[in-house]
Amino acid sequence: MTDQGDPLARIADALERLSPPPTITDWMGFPAYVWDGRRARAVPVLDAPALSLLRGVDRQKSLVVDNVARLAAGHAAHDMLLWGSRGMGKSALIRASILNAQQSRPGSLALVQVATDALEGLSGLFAELGRQERNFLTYIDDLGFADGDSIGPRHLRSWLEGGVEARPANVRLAVTSNRRAIVARHSNEQDDPLNPRDVVDDKLALADRFGLSIGFHACNQDDYLAIISGYAEEMGLSWDESEALEWARRRGARSGRTAWQFITEVAGRAGLRI
């Protein structure tokens, strides 16, 4: 016990209370984690849909599932950029693929979601994960860089390839974005009198660092209805096709997200909780 009569001891106790020692993360015990830039929070249950419910993205599903399975097995695997239309299941596919791999190889793989404002802490995260006897998919959802941000894209390129702080062999990076180039481009970049393509090429080069760059596009009517049908069958719901199409028209989009919102409406009317 600290001698409370010692002024230095009292000061030390007060400082320890104000700045407690960092917690040690159990990187082996949970299916998923959230990294805030300084520490990780364990997620006891990974919330993910069944792969069979993700319809209209068969090609994309095959690529992601196979790549995640390789990572779980400790084989060579790619970093992944999932880009394209909103609401087409990019994030859901990553989580579902992780869950599928965990069921096939229990304990072999974990998902670590990184907040978009925590990129500066990625080096510290990689250092921790590189010491673990487990494989990890670090995941950044809906990534985009502000205009004029040159540091963030350069750091990301360094982490992906060639830099002294590149992610370790047991870690791969998955990013979702609405843009293939990740960094916004403007028409005036084409008018730069000095090397007019340099800025554009530099931004595209970031996307090229990913071994898999997978596009997602707005679904057609048949795919939209197939997504609804899959959810409805799983939940035992009856639904009306014309109403489903009207639901999409009112929202100006056909997507997996729109289909799920329609299913939520139908389930609510039926008195179900989902």
Protein backbone atom coordinates (compact mmCIF):
# COMPACT_ATOMS: atom_id res chain seq x y z
CA MET A 1 0.00 0.00 0.00
CA THR A 2 1.30 3.48 -0.78
CA ASP A 3 2.37 5.55 2.20
CA GLN A 4 -0.35 8.22 2.31
CA GLY A 5 1.83 10.37 4.58
CA ASP A 6 4.35 10.87 1.80
CA PRO A 7 3.43 13.91 -0.35
CA LEU A 8 5.14 12.41 -3.38
CA ALA A 9 3.17 9.21 -2.93
CA ARG A 10 -0.10 11.15 -2.79
CA ILE A 11 0.80 13.00 -5.97
CA ALA A 12 1.66 9.72 -7.69
CA ASP A 13 -1.66 8.19 -6.63
CA ALA A 14 -3.56 11.23 -7.91
CA LEU A 15 -1.77 11.11 -11.27
CA GLU A 16 -2.50 7.40 -11.61
CA ARG A 17 -6.19 8.02 -11.02
CA LEU A 18 -6.22 10.82 -13.61
CA SER A 19 -4.30 8.76 -16.16
CA PRO A 20 -4.92 5.06 -15.50
CA PRO A 21 -2.56 2.53 -17.10
CA PRO A 22 -3.63 1.44 -20.58
CA THR A 23 -5.79 -1.65 -20.75
CA ILE A 24 -4.38 -4.72 -22.45
CA THR A 25 -6.56 -6.00 -25.28
CA ASP A 26 -7.30 -9.70 -25.49
CA TRP A 27 -6.70 -10.05 -29.22
CA MET A 28 -7.41 -13.77 -29.18
CA GLY A 29 -10.76 -13.92 -27.43
CA PHE A 30 -13.30 -12.04 -29.56
CA PRO A 31 -14.61 -12.14 -33.14
CA ALA A 32 -14.38 -8.39 -33.69
CA TYR A 33 -12.96 -5.17 -32.29
CA VAL A 34 -13.36 -1.42 -32.77
CA TRP A 35 -10.19 0.68 -32.81
CA ASP A 36 -10.53 4.36 -31.86
CA GLY A 37 -6.94 5.36 -32.58
CA ARG A 38 -5.55 4.61 -29.12
CA ARG A 39 -7.25 1.49 -27.83
CA ALA A 40 -9.49 -1.35 -28.93
CA ARG A 41 -12.96 -2.24 -27.71
CA ALA A 42 -13.89 -5.91 -27.98
CA VAL A 43 -17.16 -6.84 -29.71
CA PRO A 44 -18.49 -10.13 -28.26
CA VAL A 45 -20.88 -10.90 -31.15
CA LEU A 46 -20.25 -10.03 -34.79
CA ASP A 47 -23.49 -8.78 -36.34
CA ALA A 48 -23.55 -10.03 -39.92
CA PRO A 49 -26.15 -11.37 -42.36
CA ALA A 50 -25.97 -14.86 -43.79
CA LEU A 51 -24.13 -14.94 -47.10
CA SER A 52 -27.16 -16.54 -48.74
CA LEU A 53 -29.16 -13.36 -48.08
CA LEU A 54 -26.76 -11.18 -50.05
CA ARG A 55 -28.17 -11.38 -53.56
CA GLY A 56 -27.48 -9.47 -56.76
CA VAL A 57 -23.74 -9.32 -55.97
CA ASP A 58 -22.71 -12.89 -56.78
CA ARG A 59 -19.42 -12.01 -58.47
CA GLN A 60 -18.41 -9.60 -55.73
CA LYS A 61 -19.41 -12.11 -53.06
CA SER A 62 -17.26 -14.85 -54.57
CA LEU A 63 -14.17 -12.61 -54.69
CA VAL A 64 -14.49 -11.33 -51.13
CA VAL A 65 -15.41 -14.68 -49.55
CA ASP A 66 -12.49 -16.45 -51.23
CA ASN A 67 -10.01 -13.75 -50.24
CA VAL A 68 -11.15 -13.67 -46.61
CA ALA A 69 -10.97 -17.47 -46.45
CA ARG A 70 -7.34 -17.32 -47.60
CA LEU A 71 -6.52 -14.79 -44.90
CA ALA A 72 -8.16 -16.98 -42.25
CA ALA A 73 -6.08 -19.94 -43.43
CA GLY A 74 -2.86 -17.93 -43.23
CA HIS A 75 -2.38 -17.95 -47.00
CA ALA A 76 -1.50 -15.04 -49.25
CA ALA A 77 -4.46 -12.64 -49.41
CA HIS A 78 -5.19 -9.24 -50.93
CA ASP A 79 -6.05 -5.87 -49.46
CA MET A 80 -9.51 -4.99 -50.72
CA LEU A 81 -11.23 -1.83 -51.93
CA LEU A 82 -15.02 -2.21 -52.25
CA TRP A 83 -16.32 0.83 -54.08
CA GLY A 84 -19.48 1.98 -55.81
CA SER A 85 -23.17 2.61 -55.26
CA ARG A 86 -24.50 3.24 -51.79
CA GLY A 87 -26.58 0.58 -50.11
CA MET A 88 -25.40 -2.34 -52.24
CA GLY A 89 -24.03 -4.40 -49.36
CA LYS A 90 -20.31 -3.54 -49.33
CA SER A 91 -20.05 -3.41 -45.55
CA ALA A 92 -22.48 -6.28 -45.02
CA LEU A 93 -20.46 -8.47 -47.38
CA ILE A 94 -17.25 -7.88 -45.43
CA ARG A 95 -18.92 -8.77 -42.12
CA ALA A 96 -20.69 -11.80 -43.59
CA SER A 97 -17.45 -13.08 -45.12
CA ILE A 98 -15.64 -12.74 -41.79
CA LEU A 99 -18.41 -14.61 -39.98
CA ASN A 100 -18.34 -17.34 -42.60
CA ALA A 101 -14.57 -17.76 -42.22
CA GLN A 102 -14.85 -17.81 -38.43
CA GLN A 103 -17.41 -20.59 -38.61
CA SER A 104 -15.13 -22.61 -40.91
CA ARG A 105 -11.94 -21.92 -38.91
CA PRO A 106 -12.86 -20.95 -35.33
CA GLY A 107 -10.43 -18.53 -33.70
CA SER A 108 -8.33 -18.02 -36.82
CA LEU A 109 -9.54 -14.57 -37.86
CA ALA A 110 -10.94 -11.39 -36.34
CA LEU A 111 -12.36 -8.18 -37.79
CA VAL A 112 -11.00 -4.84 -36.53
CA GLN A 113 -13.07 -1.83 -37.55
CA VAL A 114 -11.10 1.42 -37.62
CA ALA A 115 -12.93 4.71 -37.22
CA THR A 116 -12.32 7.07 -40.14
CA ASP A 117 -10.93 9.67 -37.72
CA ALA A 118 -8.50 7.13 -36.25
CA LEU A 119 -6.23 6.63 -39.25
CA GLU A 120 -3.31 8.27 -37.47
CA GLY A 121 -3.40 5.40 -34.97
CA LEU A 122 -3.11 2.66 -37.58
CA SER A 123 0.64 2.27 -37.10
CA GLY A 124 0.13 1.52 -33.41
CA LEU A 125 -2.66 -0.93 -34.23
CA PHE A 126 -0.51 -2.76 -36.78
CA ALA A 127 2.30 -3.02 -34.26
CA GLU A 128 -0.05 -4.71 -31.79
CA LEU A 129 -1.65 -7.04 -34.31
CA GLY A 130 1.70 -8.09 -35.75
CA ARG A 131 2.61 -9.66 -32.40
CA GLN A 132 -0.47 -11.88 -32.31
CA GLU A 133 -0.78 -15.51 -33.39
CA ARG A 134 -3.97 -14.74 -35.25
CA ASN A 135 -5.03 -13.22 -38.57
CA PHE A 136 -6.88 -9.90 -38.77
CA LEU A 137 -8.85 -7.96 -41.34
CA THR A 138 -8.70 -4.26 -40.52
CA TYR A 139 -11.72 -2.50 -41.93
CA ILE A 140 -12.40 1.16 -42.71
CA ASP A 141 -15.98 1.92 -43.73
CA ASP A 142 -17.00 4.71 -46.10
CA LEU A 143 -13.51 6.17 -46.46
CA GLY A 144 -13.01 9.51 -48.10
CA PHE A 145 -10.40 12.24 -47.77
CA ALA A 146 -11.10 15.94 -47.57
CA ASP A 147 -10.02 18.27 -50.36
CA GLY A 148 -6.40 19.23 -49.89
CA ASP A 149 -5.59 16.27 -47.64
CA SER A 150 -2.37 14.87 -49.07
CA ILE A 151 -1.07 13.28 -45.86
CA GLY A 152 -3.90 10.76 -45.36
CA PRO A 153 -3.67 9.20 -48.84
CA ARG A 154 0.12 9.02 -48.64
CA HIS A 155 -0.02 7.26 -45.28
CA LEU A 156 -2.54 4.79 -46.66
CA ARG A 157 -0.34 4.03 -49.66
CA SER A 158 2.60 3.48 -47.32
CA TRP A 159 0.61 1.11 -45.11
CA LEU A 160 -0.55 -0.86 -48.12
CA GLU A 161 2.77 -1.19 -49.89
CA GLY A 162 6.41 -0.52 -49.39
CA GLY A 163 6.50 1.77 -46.34
CA VAL A 164 8.46 1.04 -43.19
CA GLU A 165 5.12 0.96 -41.31
CA ALA A 166 3.32 -1.33 -43.76
CA ARG A 167 0.80 -3.69 -42.21
CA PRO A 168 2.25 -7.00 -41.00
CA ALA A 169 1.84 -10.31 -42.82
CA ASN A 170 -1.06 -11.49 -40.64
CA VAL A 171 -3.08 -8.32 -41.33
CA ARG A 172 -4.94 -7.17 -44.42
CA LEU A 173 -6.89 -4.00 -45.03
CA ALA A 174 -10.45 -3.68 -46.39
CA VAL A 175 -11.89 -0.31 -47.31
CA THR A 176 -15.33 0.67 -48.54
CA SER A 177 -15.86 3.88 -50.46
CA ASN A 178 -18.39 5.42 -52.79
CA ARG A 179 -15.58 6.40 -55.16
CA ARG A 180 -13.05 4.15 -56.86
CA ALA A 181 -10.32 6.78 -56.48
CA ILE A 182 -11.25 7.35 -52.79
CA VAL A 183 -10.03 10.96 -53.05
CA ALA A 184 -12.44 13.37 -54.73
CA ARG A 185 -11.44 14.63 -58.16
CA HIS A 186 -12.44 17.87 -59.84
CA SER A 187 -12.53 18.95 -63.45
CA ASN A 188 -10.03 21.77 -62.84
CA GLU A 189 -7.36 19.16 -62.15
CA GLN A 190 -7.41 18.45 -65.88
CA ASP A 191 -6.47 22.10 -66.53
CA ASP A 192 -3.24 22.12 -64.53
CA PRO A 193 -0.66 23.50 -66.99
CA LEU A 194 2.13 21.47 -65.39
CA ASN A 195 1.75 17.70 -65.81
CA PRO A 196 -2.06 17.85 -66.04
CA ARG A 197 -2.51 14.13 -65.30
CA ASP A 198 -0.21 13.95 -62.28
CA VAL A 199 -2.77 14.77 -59.62
CA VAL A 200 -5.40 12.47 -61.10
CA ASP A 201 -2.91 9.64 -61.56
CA ASP A 202 -1.67 10.08 -57.99
CA LYS A 203 -5.18 9.64 -56.64
CA LEU A 204 -5.91 6.63 -58.80
CA ALA A 205 -2.58 5.15 -57.70
CA LEU A 206 -4.01 4.83 -54.19
CA ALA A 207 -6.80 2.59 -55.49
CA ASP A 208 -4.23 0.58 -57.44
CA ARG A 209 -2.46 -0.38 -54.20
CA PHE A 210 -5.36 -2.71 -53.37
CA GLY A 211 -4.96 -6.21 -54.78
CA LEU A 212 -8.72 -6.44 -55.18
CA SER A 213 -10.71 -3.42 -56.35
CA ILE A 214 -14.34 -4.52 -56.57
CA GLY A 215 -17.11 -2.35 -57.99
CA PHE A 216 -20.72 -2.37 -56.80
CA HIS A 217 -23.41 -0.89 -59.00
CA ALA A 218 -27.07 -0.04 -58.52
CA CYS A 219 -29.15 -3.17 -58.98
CA ASN A 220 -31.75 -3.65 -61.67
CA GLN A 221 -35.38 -4.42 -60.94
CA ASP A 222 -34.97 -8.19 -60.99
CA ASP A 223 -32.06 -8.10 -58.55
CA TYR A 224 -33.92 -5.71 -56.25
CA LEU A 225 -36.92 -8.05 -56.12
CA ALA A 226 -34.65 -11.06 -55.63
CA ILE A 227 -33.07 -9.40 -52.58
CA ILE A 228 -36.50 -8.77 -51.08
CA SER A 229 -37.58 -12.31 -51.85
CA GLY A 230 -34.54 -13.71 -50.05
CA TYR A 231 -35.22 -11.73 -46.88
CA ALA A 232 -38.94 -12.51 -47.01
CA GLU A 233 -38.36 -16.26 -47.38
CA GLU A 234 -35.93 -16.25 -44.46
CA MET A 235 -38.44 -14.49 -42.20
CA GLY A 236 -41.61 -16.14 -43.47
CA LEU A 237 -43.09 -12.85 -44.69
CA SER A 238 -45.60 -12.35 -47.46
CA TRP A 239 -45.16 -9.25 -49.62
CA ASP A 240 -46.51 -7.53 -52.70
CA GLU A 241 -44.26 -6.95 -55.71
CA SER A 242 -46.01 -3.80 -56.90
CA GLU A 243 -45.72 -2.29 -53.42
CA ALA A 244 -42.01 -3.14 -53.32
CA LEU A 245 -41.46 -1.38 -56.65
CA GLU A 246 -43.41 1.66 -55.49
CA TRP A 247 -41.29 1.73 -52.31
CA ALA A 248 -38.14 1.98 -54.46
CA ARG A 249 -39.63 4.63 -56.75
CA ARG A 250 -40.47 6.86 -53.81
CA ARG A 251 -36.88 6.67 -52.61
CA GLY A 252 -35.36 7.12 -56.03
CA ALA A 253 -33.13 4.06 -55.72
CA ARG A 254 -33.09 0.30 -56.05
CA SER A 255 -30.50 -1.15 -53.71
CA GLY A 256 -29.99 -3.74 -51.02
CA ARG A 257 -30.52 -1.05 -48.41
CA THR A 258 -33.81 0.00 -49.95
CA ALA A 259 -34.88 -3.66 -50.07
CA TRP A 260 -34.05 -4.09 -46.36
CA GLN A 261 -36.02 -0.95 -45.49
CA PHE A 262 -39.02 -2.36 -47.32
CA ILE A 263 -38.66 -5.67 -45.45
CA THR A 264 -38.50 -3.73 -42.18
CA GLU A 265 -41.80 -2.07 -43.07
CA VAL A 266 -43.43 -5.40 -43.95
CA ALA A 267 -42.10 -7.07 -40.81
CA GLY A 268 -43.34 -4.20 -38.66
CA ARG A 269 -46.85 -4.54 -40.05
CA ALA A 270 -46.71 -8.26 -39.31
CA GLY A 271 -45.77 -7.56 -35.69
CA LEU A 272 -42.26 -8.99 -35.99
CA ARG A 273 -39.06 -7.64 -34.51
CA ILE A 274 -35.94 -7.86 -36.65
